Amino acid sequence: MAVYNANNLDIEAVKKNGSVELYIVSSGKFDDSPEQQTLLMNKIENYIGYVLSEEFKTKHPNCPIDNCCIVLSLDKKPSSLLLELCAKIRSWIKSYGICFRAEYNTLLGKKRSVDL
């Protein structure tokens, strides 16, 4: 499995420009199982809830929702199934005014954005 504990926020990064990135960090290969897909969707739902919460607004008063991004960070290049799921996730998150992107590590250890 690659994504763990749907109730934990993996990484919260505040950029110099005031934008906020919330990372879902994958360790190992995403196995495409229904369980892993459900866990990812639950985690995304919790991240959306956090961005829309009073806690987030209090912690980041100068960060409007459209300046927040949820980032799925993968160890490996995503499968075609995960790419399809990410495209759906992107539309879902965008409906709340939040940005979404996915990235993965290349064989040379560089981060590469996933085209959705």
N, C-alpha and C. Protein backbone atom coordinates (compact mmCIF):
# COMPACT_ATOMS: atom_id res chain seq x y z
N MET A 1 0.84 -1.19 0.00
CA MET A 1 0.00 0.00 0.00
C MET A 1 0.88 1.24 0.00
N ALA A 2 0.34 2.29 -0.53
CA ALA A 2 1.12 3.51 -0.69
C ALA A 2 0.62 4.66 0.17
N VAL A 3 -0.67 4.78 0.37
CA VAL A 3 -1.24 5.88 1.15
C VAL A 3 -1.72 5.30 2.48
N TYR A 4 -1.45 6.01 3.55
CA TYR A 4 -1.79 5.53 4.88
C TYR A 4 -2.69 6.51 5.60
N ASN A 5 -3.29 6.08 6.65
CA ASN A 5 -4.11 6.84 7.59
C ASN A 5 -4.81 8.06 6.98
N ALA A 6 -6.04 7.85 6.62
CA ALA A 6 -6.85 8.90 6.00
C ALA A 6 -7.08 10.09 6.92
N ASN A 7 -6.88 9.91 8.21
CA ASN A 7 -7.17 10.98 9.17
C ASN A 7 -5.97 11.86 9.49
N ASN A 8 -4.79 11.54 8.95
CA ASN A 8 -3.60 12.33 9.22
C ASN A 8 -3.27 13.26 8.06
N LEU A 9 -2.83 14.46 8.40
CA LEU A 9 -2.31 15.40 7.43
C LEU A 9 -0.82 15.09 7.32
N ASP A 10 -0.36 14.70 6.14
CA ASP A 10 1.03 14.28 5.99
C ASP A 10 2.00 15.45 6.10
N ILE A 11 1.86 16.44 5.23
CA ILE A 11 2.73 17.62 5.25
C ILE A 11 1.91 18.85 4.89
N GLU A 12 2.12 19.92 5.65
CA GLU A 12 1.49 21.21 5.37
C GLU A 12 2.61 22.22 5.16
N ALA A 13 2.71 22.76 3.95
CA ALA A 13 3.79 23.70 3.61
C ALA A 13 3.21 25.06 3.28
N VAL A 14 3.75 26.08 3.94
CA VAL A 14 3.35 27.45 3.66
C VAL A 14 4.46 28.07 2.81
N LYS A 15 4.10 28.56 1.64
CA LYS A 15 5.05 29.17 0.72
C LYS A 15 5.29 30.63 1.08
N LYS A 16 6.37 31.20 0.58
CA LYS A 16 6.70 32.60 0.85
C LYS A 16 5.60 33.55 0.40
N ASN A 17 4.89 33.17 -0.68
CA ASN A 17 3.82 34.04 -1.19
C ASN A 17 2.51 33.88 -0.40
N GLY A 18 2.53 33.04 0.65
CA GLY A 18 1.35 32.84 1.49
C GLY A 18 0.46 31.69 1.07
N SER A 19 0.74 31.09 -0.07
CA SER A 19 -0.05 29.93 -0.49
C SER A 19 0.28 28.73 0.40
N VAL A 20 -0.64 27.79 0.45
CA VAL A 20 -0.47 26.60 1.28
C VAL A 20 -0.59 25.35 0.41
N GLU A 21 0.35 24.43 0.60
CA GLU A 21 0.30 23.14 -0.08
C GLU A 21 0.16 22.05 0.97
N LEU A 22 -0.82 21.18 0.76
CA LEU A 22 -1.06 20.05 1.65
C LEU A 22 -0.69 18.79 0.89
N TYR A 23 0.31 18.08 1.39
CA TYR A 23 0.83 16.91 0.70
C TYR A 23 0.26 15.62 1.25
N ILE A 24 -0.10 14.74 0.33
CA ILE A 24 -0.39 13.34 0.64
C ILE A 24 0.83 12.59 0.13
N VAL A 25 1.59 12.01 1.04
CA VAL A 25 2.85 11.37 0.68
C VAL A 25 2.64 9.87 0.57
N SER A 26 2.99 9.35 -0.59
CA SER A 26 2.89 7.92 -0.85
C SER A 26 4.26 7.29 -0.63
N SER A 27 4.27 6.17 0.03
CA SER A 27 5.52 5.43 0.16
C SER A 27 5.30 4.04 -0.42
N GLY A 28 6.09 3.71 -1.40
CA GLY A 28 5.90 2.44 -2.09
C GLY A 28 4.95 2.59 -3.26
N LYS A 29 4.77 1.53 -3.98
CA LYS A 29 3.94 1.55 -5.18
C LYS A 29 2.47 1.53 -4.81
N PHE A 30 1.72 2.43 -5.41
CA PHE A 30 0.26 2.44 -5.24
C PHE A 30 -0.26 1.18 -5.91
N ASP A 31 -0.95 0.32 -5.18
CA ASP A 31 -1.29 -1.01 -5.70
C ASP A 31 -2.61 -1.09 -6.49
N ASP A 32 -3.29 0.02 -6.68
CA ASP A 32 -4.53 0.08 -7.46
C ASP A 32 -5.69 -0.73 -6.89
N SER A 33 -5.53 -1.26 -5.70
CA SER A 33 -6.61 -2.05 -5.10
C SER A 33 -7.77 -1.14 -4.71
N PRO A 34 -8.99 -1.69 -4.66
CA PRO A 34 -10.15 -0.89 -4.21
C PRO A 34 -9.91 -0.30 -2.82
N GLU A 35 -9.22 -1.03 -1.96
CA GLU A 35 -8.96 -0.54 -0.61
C GLU A 35 -8.06 0.69 -0.65
N GLN A 36 -7.03 0.65 -1.49
CA GLN A 36 -6.10 1.77 -1.60
C GLN A 36 -6.80 2.98 -2.23
N GLN A 37 -7.65 2.74 -3.22
CA GLN A 37 -8.40 3.83 -3.86
C GLN A 37 -9.34 4.48 -2.85
N THR A 38 -10.02 3.67 -2.05
CA THR A 38 -10.94 4.19 -1.03
C THR A 38 -10.18 4.99 0.01
N LEU A 39 -9.04 4.48 0.45
CA LEU A 39 -8.22 5.19 1.43
C LEU A 39 -7.78 6.55 0.88
N LEU A 40 -7.35 6.58 -0.38
CA LEU A 40 -6.94 7.84 -1.00
C LEU A 40 -8.12 8.81 -1.07
N MET A 41 -9.27 8.33 -1.49
CA MET A 41 -10.45 9.20 -1.60
C MET A 41 -10.86 9.74 -0.22
N ASN A 42 -10.80 8.89 0.80
CA ASN A 42 -11.13 9.33 2.16
C ASN A 42 -10.14 10.39 2.64
N LYS A 43 -8.87 10.19 2.32
CA LYS A 43 -7.84 11.14 2.73
C LYS A 43 -8.06 12.48 2.02
N ILE A 44 -8.36 12.44 0.72
CA ILE A 44 -8.65 13.65 -0.03
C ILE A 44 -9.85 14.38 0.59
N GLU A 45 -10.89 13.63 0.90
CA GLU A 45 -12.09 14.22 1.52
C GLU A 45 -11.74 14.92 2.83
N ASN A 46 -10.88 14.31 3.63
CA ASN A 46 -10.45 14.93 4.89
C ASN A 46 -9.63 16.19 4.65
N TYR A 47 -8.79 16.18 3.62
CA TYR A 47 -8.00 17.36 3.29
C TYR A 47 -8.93 18.50 2.85
N ILE A 48 -9.91 18.20 2.03
CA ILE A 48 -10.87 19.22 1.60
C ILE A 48 -11.58 19.80 2.83
N GLY A 49 -12.04 18.92 3.71
CA GLY A 49 -12.70 19.37 4.93
C GLY A 49 -11.81 20.28 5.76
N TYR A 50 -10.52 19.96 5.82
CA TYR A 50 -9.58 20.79 6.57
C TYR A 50 -9.46 22.18 5.94
N VAL A 51 -9.31 22.23 4.61
CA VAL A 51 -9.17 23.52 3.92
C VAL A 51 -10.41 24.38 4.11
N LEU A 52 -11.57 23.78 4.19
CA LEU A 52 -12.82 24.51 4.36
C LEU A 52 -13.14 24.82 5.82
N SER A 53 -12.32 24.33 6.74
CA SER A 53 -12.60 24.46 8.17
C SER A 53 -12.20 25.81 8.76
N GLU A 54 -12.78 26.12 9.91
CA GLU A 54 -12.40 27.31 10.67
C GLU A 54 -10.95 27.20 11.14
N GLU A 55 -10.51 26.00 11.46
CA GLU A 55 -9.13 25.79 11.90
C GLU A 55 -8.14 26.27 10.83
N PHE A 56 -8.41 25.91 9.57
CA PHE A 56 -7.54 26.33 8.48
C PHE A 56 -7.59 27.85 8.32
N LYS A 57 -8.79 28.42 8.35
CA LYS A 57 -8.94 29.87 8.19
C LYS A 57 -8.23 30.63 9.30
N THR A 58 -8.27 30.09 10.51
CA THR A 58 -7.59 30.72 11.64
C THR A 58 -6.07 30.61 11.50
N LYS A 59 -5.61 29.44 11.10
CA LYS A 59 -4.17 29.19 10.96
C LYS A 59 -3.56 29.94 9.77
N HIS A 60 -4.36 30.09 8.71
CA HIS A 60 -3.89 30.74 7.47
C HIS A 60 -4.86 31.84 7.05
N PRO A 61 -4.97 32.91 7.85
CA PRO A 61 -5.98 33.94 7.57
C PRO A 61 -5.77 34.68 6.24
N ASN A 62 -4.56 34.69 5.73
CA ASN A 62 -4.27 35.40 4.49
C ASN A 62 -4.17 34.48 3.28
N CYS A 63 -4.67 33.26 3.42
CA CYS A 63 -4.63 32.30 2.31
C CYS A 63 -6.06 31.97 1.87
N PRO A 64 -6.50 32.59 0.78
CA PRO A 64 -7.82 32.22 0.28
C PRO A 64 -7.80 30.79 -0.25
N ILE A 65 -8.95 30.17 -0.30
CA ILE A 65 -9.05 28.77 -0.73
C ILE A 65 -8.41 28.55 -2.09
N ASP A 66 -8.56 29.51 -3.00
CA ASP A 66 -8.00 29.31 -4.33
C ASP A 66 -6.47 29.45 -4.38
N ASN A 67 -5.87 29.71 -3.22
CA ASN A 67 -4.41 29.78 -3.12
C ASN A 67 -3.87 28.58 -2.34
N CYS A 68 -4.70 27.54 -2.27
CA CYS A 68 -4.35 26.31 -1.56
C CYS A 68 -4.34 25.15 -2.57
N CYS A 69 -3.38 24.25 -2.39
CA CYS A 69 -3.25 23.13 -3.32
C CYS A 69 -3.03 21.83 -2.54
N ILE A 70 -3.76 20.80 -2.93
CA ILE A 70 -3.54 19.46 -2.40
C ILE A 70 -2.65 18.75 -3.40
N VAL A 71 -1.55 18.18 -2.90
CA VAL A 71 -0.54 17.55 -3.76
C VAL A 71 -0.41 16.08 -3.40
N LEU A 72 -0.59 15.21 -4.38
CA LEU A 72 -0.35 13.77 -4.20
C LEU A 72 1.08 13.51 -4.65
N SER A 73 1.94 13.15 -3.72
CA SER A 73 3.35 12.91 -4.01
C SER A 73 3.63 11.41 -3.98
N LEU A 74 3.97 10.87 -5.14
CA LEU A 74 4.15 9.42 -5.31
C LEU A 74 5.62 9.05 -5.45
N ASP A 75 5.96 7.85 -5.00
CA ASP A 75 7.33 7.33 -5.16
C ASP A 75 7.62 6.91 -6.59
N LYS A 76 6.61 6.42 -7.27
CA LYS A 76 6.78 5.86 -8.61
C LYS A 76 5.80 6.50 -9.59
N LYS A 77 6.08 6.34 -10.88
CA LYS A 77 5.17 6.81 -11.91
C LYS A 77 3.81 6.13 -11.72
N PRO A 78 2.73 6.88 -11.75
CA PRO A 78 1.41 6.28 -11.50
C PRO A 78 0.93 5.40 -12.65
N SER A 79 0.15 4.41 -12.29
CA SER A 79 -0.47 3.51 -13.27
C SER A 79 -1.54 4.27 -14.03
N SER A 80 -2.02 3.68 -15.11
CA SER A 80 -3.09 4.32 -15.88
C SER A 80 -4.36 4.44 -15.05
N LEU A 81 -4.63 3.47 -14.19
CA LEU A 81 -5.80 3.53 -13.32
C LEU A 81 -5.69 4.71 -12.36
N LEU A 82 -4.51 4.89 -11.77
CA LEU A 82 -4.32 6.00 -10.85
C LEU A 82 -4.39 7.34 -11.59
N LEU A 83 -3.91 7.39 -12.82
CA LEU A 83 -4.01 8.62 -13.61
C LEU A 83 -5.48 8.99 -13.83
N GLU A 84 -6.30 8.01 -14.15
CA GLU A 84 -7.73 8.25 -14.33
C GLU A 84 -8.36 8.74 -13.03
N LEU A 85 -7.99 8.10 -11.93
CA LEU A 85 -8.52 8.50 -10.62
C LEU A 85 -8.08 9.93 -10.28
N CYS A 86 -6.84 10.27 -10.57
CA CYS A 86 -6.34 11.62 -10.29
C CYS A 86 -7.09 12.68 -11.10
N ALA A 87 -7.44 12.36 -12.34
CA ALA A 87 -8.20 13.31 -13.15
C ALA A 87 -9.57 13.57 -12.52
N LYS A 88 -10.19 12.52 -12.00
CA LYS A 88 -11.49 12.67 -11.32
C LYS A 88 -11.32 13.45 -10.02
N ILE A 89 -10.25 13.15 -9.29
CA ILE A 89 -9.97 13.85 -8.03
C ILE A 89 -9.77 15.34 -8.31
N ARG A 90 -9.04 15.63 -9.36
CA ARG A 90 -8.78 17.03 -9.70
C ARG A 90 -10.09 17.80 -9.93
N SER A 91 -11.01 17.21 -10.68
CA SER A 91 -12.31 17.86 -10.93
C SER A 91 -13.08 18.03 -9.63
N TRP A 92 -13.06 17.02 -8.79
CA TRP A 92 -13.76 17.04 -7.51
C TRP A 92 -13.21 18.17 -6.63
N ILE A 93 -11.89 18.23 -6.49
CA ILE A 93 -11.26 19.24 -5.64
C ILE A 93 -11.47 20.64 -6.22
N LYS A 94 -11.38 20.74 -7.53
CA LYS A 94 -11.55 22.03 -8.20
C LYS A 94 -12.95 22.61 -7.95
N SER A 95 -13.95 21.72 -7.78
CA SER A 95 -15.31 22.19 -7.52
C SER A 95 -15.40 22.97 -6.20
N TYR A 96 -14.41 22.81 -5.32
CA TYR A 96 -14.34 23.55 -4.06
C TYR A 96 -13.45 24.78 -4.18
N GLY A 97 -12.85 24.99 -5.35
CA GLY A 97 -11.95 26.12 -5.54
C GLY A 97 -10.53 25.85 -5.11
N ILE A 98 -10.21 24.58 -4.85
CA ILE A 98 -8.89 24.18 -4.39
C ILE A 98 -8.14 23.56 -5.57
N CYS A 99 -6.87 23.80 -5.66
CA CYS A 99 -6.07 23.21 -6.74
C CYS A 99 -5.60 21.81 -6.33
N PHE A 100 -5.31 20.99 -7.33
CA PHE A 100 -4.78 19.63 -7.10
C PHE A 100 -3.72 19.34 -8.14
N ARG A 101 -2.65 18.71 -7.68
CA ARG A 101 -1.66 18.20 -8.62
C ARG A 101 -1.08 16.92 -8.05
N ALA A 102 -0.55 16.12 -8.96
CA ALA A 102 0.13 14.88 -8.59
C ALA A 102 1.54 14.94 -9.13
N GLU A 103 2.47 14.36 -8.40
CA GLU A 103 3.86 14.33 -8.82
C GLU A 103 4.46 13.00 -8.40
N TYR A 104 5.55 12.63 -9.07
CA TYR A 104 6.22 11.38 -8.72
C TYR A 104 7.72 11.53 -8.89
N ASN A 105 8.46 10.63 -8.24
CA ASN A 105 9.91 10.60 -8.36
C ASN A 105 10.30 9.82 -9.60
N THR A 106 11.22 10.35 -10.38
CA THR A 106 11.75 9.63 -11.54
C THR A 106 12.83 8.67 -11.05
N LEU A 107 13.33 7.85 -11.95
CA LEU A 107 14.41 6.93 -11.60
C LEU A 107 15.66 7.68 -11.16
N LEU A 108 15.82 8.92 -11.63
CA LEU A 108 16.97 9.73 -11.26
C LEU A 108 16.73 10.55 -9.99
N GLY A 109 15.59 10.32 -9.36
CA GLY A 109 15.28 11.00 -8.10
C GLY A 109 14.72 12.40 -8.23
N LYS A 110 14.34 12.80 -9.43
CA LYS A 110 13.76 14.12 -9.63
C LYS A 110 12.24 14.03 -9.56
N LYS A 111 11.61 15.13 -9.11
CA LYS A 111 10.15 15.20 -9.08
C LYS A 111 9.64 15.55 -10.47
N ARG A 112 8.60 14.86 -10.89
CA ARG A 112 7.97 15.15 -12.18
C ARG A 112 6.47 15.29 -11.95
N SER A 113 5.89 16.34 -12.50
CA SER A 113 4.44 16.55 -12.39
C SER A 113 3.72 15.58 -13.32
N VAL A 114 2.56 15.14 -12.87
CA VAL A 114 1.71 14.27 -13.67
C VAL A 114 0.77 15.14 -14.49
N ASP A 115 0.71 14.89 -15.79
CA ASP A 115 -0.23 15.62 -16.64
C ASP A 115 -1.62 15.03 -16.47
N LEU A 116 -2.55 15.88 -16.03
CA LEU A 116 -3.93 15.41 -15.82
C LEU A 116 -4.86 16.05 -16.80
